[in-house]
Amino acid sequence: LRKFGDELFVVNRTSNNVTILNATTFALVEQLATGAATNPQDVAVHGSKLYVPALSGKGVLVLTRGSTTVTEIDLSADDPDGKPNCESVYLVDTMLFVACGLLDDADPFLSPRGPGRVYVIDTATDTRTATVTLTSKNPLGLFERSPVGSSLGGDLVIPTVDFGANNAGCIERISTGATPAANGCVVTNAALGGFANRVDFQTAETGEVMLWLAVSEAFPNASLRGYDLAASSLWDPITPMTQVITDVIGCPGGRVVVADQKMDAAGIRVLENTVEKTTTPLNIGLAPKSAHGLVCY
């Protein structure tokens, strides 16, 4: 789920489409198919075009609003099986950043062949202009961009995790300037004691920037963590071990909303200044399942 302008874009992975809703009325605006068994993962929008990474495809699908035409940007050259396992996209000005895992699709565990890649696409021509090799394997979550005025200087960040190496990885940085490059880690998975399902930035009225993380630890434990960018300080878990926090979003006004997937007690929780304002999880009809299923506006 992402919000662009006054619209919500819902990526339906198993149904192979992107549904566009009015962000105020939630009325259906349009639904665009990605093609059978493409397994779409994320979406970025540039004009009338939607860029959708397809986990089961050769790279990025390009959809056009008002049309059923689907084209594909082929990013498969670095993966012998022809499926680079791309799962997140983010548009910075006119340049599209695409994170791909390069997994071995013949392996039932989908082991990464090596460090992940970030490909940079010029949306004027829909062609690749740069390739960035990450320092770690298997970009797992979705891109978020740090505030330009923060200590991360507008870098993109994305969680990574190598399940076959004791969850090695980190929150990896990618610089987005004239020469995009891997820019190290914000915080390692070893420090987190697990790996992040979702990250989100929140800027306080004072200008301080917090990175919120929904961290999976030893199954089934998952908690909310905070990372103070100015102090380069990782906070201890904020939520109790009785909760299973798998998604997080920073909201205007300083509140933080999380998804709790605890069995038989799932729902949405709201925190302010690290103190929970909800006494029980808010029931939204269905248990929250997505690791990027929250937006706040």
Protein backbone atom coordinates (compact mmCIF):
# COMPACT_ATOMS: atom_id res chain seq x y z
CA LEU A 1 0.00 0.00 0.00
CA ARG A 2 1.34 3.43 -0.99
CA LYS A 3 -0.20 6.89 -1.27
CA PHE A 4 0.60 9.25 -4.13
CA GLY A 5 -1.22 12.56 -4.26
CA ASP A 6 -4.87 12.03 -3.37
CA GLU A 7 -4.92 8.36 -4.30
CA LEU A 8 -4.11 5.06 -2.62
CA PHE A 9 -2.38 2.33 -4.62
CA VAL A 10 -3.03 -1.20 -3.38
CA VAL A 11 -0.71 -3.90 -4.74
CA ASN A 12 -2.62 -7.19 -4.80
CA ARG A 13 0.11 -9.81 -5.01
CA THR A 14 -1.97 -12.97 -5.31
CA SER A 15 -4.57 -11.35 -7.57
CA ASN A 16 -1.90 -9.83 -9.86
CA ASN A 17 -3.19 -6.28 -10.05
CA VAL A 18 -2.89 -2.76 -8.68
CA THR A 19 -6.08 -1.17 -7.38
CA ILE A 20 -6.31 2.63 -7.20
CA LEU A 21 -8.67 4.22 -4.67
CA ASN A 22 -9.64 7.79 -3.90
CA ALA A 23 -7.80 8.55 -0.65
CA THR A 24 -10.71 10.57 0.75
CA THR A 25 -13.77 8.55 -0.24
CA PHE A 26 -12.04 5.17 -0.81
CA ALA A 27 -14.05 4.88 -4.03
CA LEU A 28 -12.58 2.71 -6.76
CA VAL A 29 -10.76 4.79 -9.37
CA GLU A 30 -9.13 2.11 -11.51
CA GLN A 31 -7.72 -1.40 -11.40
CA LEU A 32 -4.80 -2.43 -13.60
CA ALA A 33 -3.81 -6.05 -14.18
CA THR A 34 -0.13 -7.01 -14.08
CA GLY A 35 -0.55 -10.37 -15.81
CA ALA A 36 -1.02 -13.93 -14.62
CA ALA A 37 1.46 -15.23 -12.03
CA THR A 38 3.56 -12.05 -12.08
CA ASN A 39 3.44 -11.60 -8.28
CA PRO A 40 3.61 -7.77 -8.10
CA GLN A 41 5.35 -6.40 -5.01
CA ASP A 42 5.36 -2.59 -4.93
CA VAL A 43 4.46 0.44 -7.03
CA ALA A 44 5.87 3.82 -8.02
CA VAL A 45 4.01 6.42 -10.07
CA HIS A 46 5.33 8.82 -12.71
CA GLY A 47 2.69 10.68 -14.67
CA SER A 48 0.28 8.15 -16.16
CA LYS A 49 2.74 5.28 -15.73
CA LEU A 50 2.90 2.80 -12.87
CA TYR A 51 6.15 0.95 -12.26
CA VAL A 52 5.59 -2.42 -10.59
CA PRO A 53 8.38 -4.87 -9.65
CA ALA A 54 7.34 -8.45 -10.42
CA LEU A 55 8.87 -11.10 -8.20
CA SER A 56 8.16 -13.78 -10.81
CA GLY A 57 9.11 -11.67 -13.82
CA LYS A 58 12.23 -10.31 -15.50
CA GLY A 59 12.22 -6.98 -13.70
CA VAL A 60 9.73 -4.12 -13.64
CA LEU A 61 6.32 -4.01 -15.28
CA VAL A 62 5.16 -0.70 -16.73
CA LEU A 63 1.41 -0.13 -16.61
CA THR A 64 -0.37 2.83 -18.17
CA ARG A 65 -3.50 4.31 -16.66
CA GLY A 66 -6.52 4.00 -18.91
CA SER A 67 -4.89 1.18 -20.86
CA THR A 68 -4.49 -2.58 -20.61
CA THR A 69 -1.01 -2.44 -22.16
CA VAL A 70 1.79 -3.90 -20.03
CA THR A 71 5.46 -3.63 -20.96
CA GLU A 72 8.46 -4.94 -19.05
CA ILE A 73 11.87 -3.49 -18.25
CA ASP A 74 14.22 -6.49 -18.38
CA LEU A 75 16.69 -6.55 -15.48
CA SER A 76 17.46 -10.26 -15.64
CA ALA A 77 21.03 -10.18 -17.00
CA ASP A 78 22.62 -10.65 -13.55
CA ASP A 79 20.51 -13.68 -12.59
CA PRO A 80 21.14 -17.02 -14.41
CA ASP A 81 17.52 -18.16 -14.00
CA GLY A 82 16.19 -15.02 -15.69
CA LYS A 83 14.22 -13.91 -12.63
CA PRO A 84 16.04 -11.21 -10.63
CA ASN A 85 13.35 -11.25 -7.91
CA CYS A 86 12.68 -7.52 -7.86
CA GLU A 87 10.49 -6.40 -5.00
CA SER A 88 10.67 -2.67 -4.38
CA VAL A 89 10.72 0.54 -6.40
CA TYR A 90 11.10 4.19 -5.45
CA LEU A 91 11.06 7.28 -7.67
CA VAL A 92 13.55 10.08 -6.93
CA ASP A 93 12.89 12.95 -9.33
CA THR A 94 12.78 11.11 -12.68
CA MET A 95 15.03 8.22 -11.67
CA LEU A 96 13.49 4.93 -10.58
CA PHE A 97 15.39 2.80 -8.06
CA VAL A 98 14.63 -0.93 -8.19
CA ALA A 99 15.74 -3.41 -5.50
CA CYS A 100 16.24 -7.02 -6.60
CA GLY A 101 17.29 -10.08 -4.58
CA LEU A 102 18.87 -12.29 -7.28
CA LEU A 103 17.59 -15.47 -5.64
CA ASP A 104 18.09 -19.03 -6.85
CA ASP A 105 14.58 -19.94 -7.98
CA ALA A 106 15.55 -23.61 -8.34
CA ASP A 107 16.33 -23.73 -4.63
CA PRO A 108 13.21 -24.38 -2.48
CA PHE A 109 14.68 -21.99 0.10
CA LEU A 110 15.22 -19.28 -2.55
CA SER A 111 18.78 -18.71 -1.39
CA PRO A 112 20.39 -15.46 -2.55
CA ARG A 113 23.16 -15.89 -5.11
CA GLY A 114 25.09 -12.99 -3.59
CA PRO A 115 24.54 -9.37 -2.56
CA GLY A 116 21.36 -7.76 -3.78
CA ARG A 117 21.25 -5.22 -6.59
CA VAL A 118 19.64 -1.84 -7.01
CA TYR A 119 19.06 -0.85 -10.62
CA VAL A 120 18.49 2.77 -11.60
CA ILE A 121 16.02 3.41 -14.43
CA ASP A 122 15.63 6.66 -16.37
CA THR A 123 11.86 7.05 -16.66
CA ALA A 124 12.24 9.25 -19.73
CA THR A 125 13.41 6.22 -21.70
CA ASP A 126 12.63 3.32 -19.32
CA THR A 127 16.22 2.13 -19.64
CA ARG A 128 18.79 1.19 -17.02
CA THR A 129 21.44 3.83 -16.35
CA ALA A 130 23.25 2.44 -13.28
CA THR A 131 23.64 -0.68 -11.16
CA VAL A 132 24.42 -0.65 -7.44
CA THR A 133 25.65 -3.77 -5.65
CA LEU A 134 24.48 -3.81 -2.04
CA THR A 135 26.75 -4.77 0.85
CA SER A 136 24.29 -7.42 2.03
CA LYS A 137 22.02 -10.10 0.58
CA ASN A 138 18.28 -10.33 -0.01
CA PRO A 139 16.55 -6.93 0.14
CA LEU A 140 13.33 -8.06 1.77
CA GLY A 141 11.20 -5.05 2.62
CA LEU A 142 10.28 -1.92 0.67
CA PHE A 143 12.22 1.26 0.04
CA GLU A 144 11.64 4.37 2.12
CA ARG A 145 13.43 7.69 1.62
CA SER A 146 15.07 9.54 4.49
CA PRO A 147 14.34 13.26 4.88
CA VAL A 148 16.83 15.29 2.83
CA GLY A 149 17.73 17.43 5.85
CA SER A 150 18.43 14.44 8.10
CA SER A 151 21.78 12.82 8.85
CA LEU A 152 21.02 10.32 6.05
CA GLY A 153 20.72 13.14 3.53
CA GLY A 154 17.83 11.81 1.48
CA ASP A 155 19.30 8.33 1.03
CA LEU A 156 16.95 5.46 0.35
CA VAL A 157 16.88 2.67 2.92
CA ILE A 158 15.72 -0.92 2.63
CA PRO A 159 15.80 -3.90 5.03
CA THR A 160 17.90 -6.91 4.04
CA VAL A 161 18.16 -10.39 5.56
CA ASP A 162 20.02 -13.59 4.72
CA PHE A 163 17.94 -16.33 6.34
CA GLY A 164 20.65 -18.89 5.63
CA ALA A 165 23.27 -16.96 7.60
CA ASN A 166 21.59 -16.38 10.97
CA ASN A 167 19.53 -13.46 9.61
CA ALA A 168 22.61 -11.44 8.64
CA GLY A 169 21.86 -8.09 7.03
CA CYS A 170 20.94 -4.55 7.96
CA ILE A 171 18.93 -1.49 7.07
CA GLU A 172 20.94 -0.65 3.98
CA ARG A 173 21.46 2.87 2.60
CA ILE A 174 21.58 3.81 -1.07
CA SER A 175 22.65 7.32 -2.07
CA THR A 176 20.51 8.88 -4.81
CA GLY A 177 22.75 11.59 -6.28
CA ALA A 178 24.42 11.80 -9.67
CA THR A 179 26.34 8.60 -8.93
CA PRO A 180 24.08 6.28 -6.91
CA ALA A 181 25.97 3.96 -4.58
CA ALA A 182 25.63 1.62 -1.62
CA ASN A 183 26.20 3.80 1.42
CA GLY A 184 26.58 1.35 4.30
CA CYS A 185 24.09 0.38 7.00
CA VAL A 186 21.97 2.46 9.34
CA VAL A 187 21.73 -0.39 11.85
CA THR A 188 22.61 -4.08 11.57
CA ASN A 189 20.31 -7.03 12.08
CA ALA A 190 22.69 -8.23 14.80
CA ALA A 191 21.97 -5.04 16.75
CA LEU A 192 18.24 -5.44 16.13
CA GLY A 193 18.26 -9.05 17.28
CA GLY A 194 16.26 -9.92 14.18
CA PHE A 195 15.29 -8.25 10.90
CA ALA A 196 12.95 -5.43 9.96
CA ASN A 197 9.68 -6.13 8.17
CA ARG A 198 8.93 -2.43 7.73
CA VAL A 199 10.70 0.86 8.35
CA ASP A 200 9.34 4.40 8.29
CA PHE A 201 10.72 7.89 8.96
CA GLN A 202 8.97 10.46 11.13
CA THR A 203 10.04 14.08 11.54
CA ALA A 204 9.04 15.80 14.79
CA GLU A 205 8.00 19.46 15.01
CA THR A 206 11.44 20.10 16.52
CA GLY A 207 13.07 18.73 13.37
CA GLU A 208 14.32 15.54 14.99
CA VAL A 209 14.01 12.47 12.77
CA MET A 210 13.13 9.03 14.06
CA LEU A 211 13.39 5.80 12.11
CA TRP A 212 10.70 3.37 13.25
CA LEU A 213 11.20 -0.34 12.70
CA ALA A 214 8.86 -3.33 12.98
CA VAL A 215 11.38 -6.03 13.91
CA SER A 216 10.87 -9.80 13.74
CA GLU A 217 12.87 -11.55 16.42
CA ALA A 218 12.76 -15.22 17.47
CA PHE A 219 9.42 -16.55 16.14
CA PRO A 220 6.76 -15.50 16.90
CA ASN A 221 8.12 -12.41 18.65
CA ALA A 222 8.07 -9.08 16.81
CA SER A 223 8.38 -5.63 18.34
CA LEU A 224 8.50 -1.91 17.62
CA ARG A 225 11.96 -0.33 17.77
CA GLY A 226 13.10 3.24 17.30
CA TYR A 227 16.39 4.57 15.92
CA ASP A 228 17.28 8.19 16.72
CA LEU A 229 19.13 9.46 13.64
CA ALA A 230 20.70 12.50 15.33
CA ALA A 231 22.10 10.42 18.19
CA SER A 232 22.75 7.29 16.09
CA SER A 233 21.02 5.46 18.91
CA LEU A 234 18.89 2.30 18.76
CA TRP A 235 16.12 2.17 21.33
CA ASP A 236 15.15 -0.93 23.25
CA PRO A 237 11.87 -2.60 22.21
CA ILE A 238 8.94 -0.29 22.89
CA THR A 239 6.13 -2.81 22.70
CA PRO A 240 5.75 -5.79 25.06
CA MET A 241 6.57 -9.34 24.01
CA THR A 242 2.86 -10.17 24.20
CA GLN A 243 2.37 -8.20 20.97
CA VAL A 244 3.49 -9.21 17.46
CA ILE A 245 4.28 -5.96 15.65
CA THR A 246 4.74 -6.46 11.90
CA ASP A 247 4.03 -3.03 10.40
CA VAL A 248 4.54 0.60 11.46
CA ILE A 249 3.87 4.11 10.18
CA GLY A 250 4.71 7.52 11.64
CA CYS A 251 1.73 9.89 11.50
CA PRO A 252 1.28 13.67 11.48
CA GLY A 253 1.10 15.06 14.99
CA GLY A 254 3.65 12.63 16.38
CA ARG A 255 1.57 9.50 16.74
CA VAL A 256 2.78 6.10 15.59
CA VAL A 257 0.45 3.38 14.31
CA VAL A 258 1.41 -0.29 14.33
CA ALA A 259 -0.16 -3.56 13.20
CA ASP A 260 -0.30 -6.32 15.81
CA GLN A 261 -0.65 -9.83 14.35
CA LYS A 262 -0.99 -11.63 17.68
CA MET A 263 -3.07 -14.76 17.24
CA ASP A 264 -6.71 -14.22 18.29
CA ALA A 265 -5.96 -10.60 19.29
CA ALA A 266 -4.85 -8.93 16.06
CA GLY A 267 -5.55 -5.33 15.13
CA ILE A 268 -4.19 -1.80 15.03
CA ARG A 269 -2.52 -0.02 17.96
CA VAL A 270 -1.74 3.69 18.36
CA LEU A 271 1.19 5.11 20.34
CA GLU A 272 2.23 8.63 21.31
CA ASN A 273 5.63 9.43 22.85
CA THR A 274 6.20 5.64 23.01
CA VAL A 275 3.08 5.24 25.20
CA GLU A 276 0.20 3.22 23.79
CA LYS A 277 -3.04 5.21 23.58
CA THR A 278 -5.18 2.18 22.69
CA THR A 279 -6.11 -0.19 25.49
CA THR A 280 -6.79 -3.10 23.12
CA PRO A 281 -6.01 -3.60 19.42
CA LEU A 282 -8.51 -1.87 17.14
CA ASN A 283 -10.46 -4.48 15.19
CA ILE A 284 -10.50 -3.60 11.49
CA GLY A 285 -12.52 -6.61 10.39
CA LEU A 286 -9.61 -8.67 9.12
CA ALA A 287 -6.31 -9.37 10.81
CA PRO A 288 -3.54 -7.16 9.36
CA LYS A 289 -1.31 -9.26 7.10
CA SER A 290 0.82 -6.95 4.97
CA ALA A 291 4.22 -5.66 6.13
CA HIS A 292 3.50 -2.43 4.22
CA GLY A 293 -0.22 -2.07 4.74
CA LEU A 294 -0.38 1.25 6.63
CA VAL A 295 -0.39 4.84 5.41
CA CYS A 296 -1.13 7.94 7.48
CA TYR A 297 -2.35 11.35 6.27
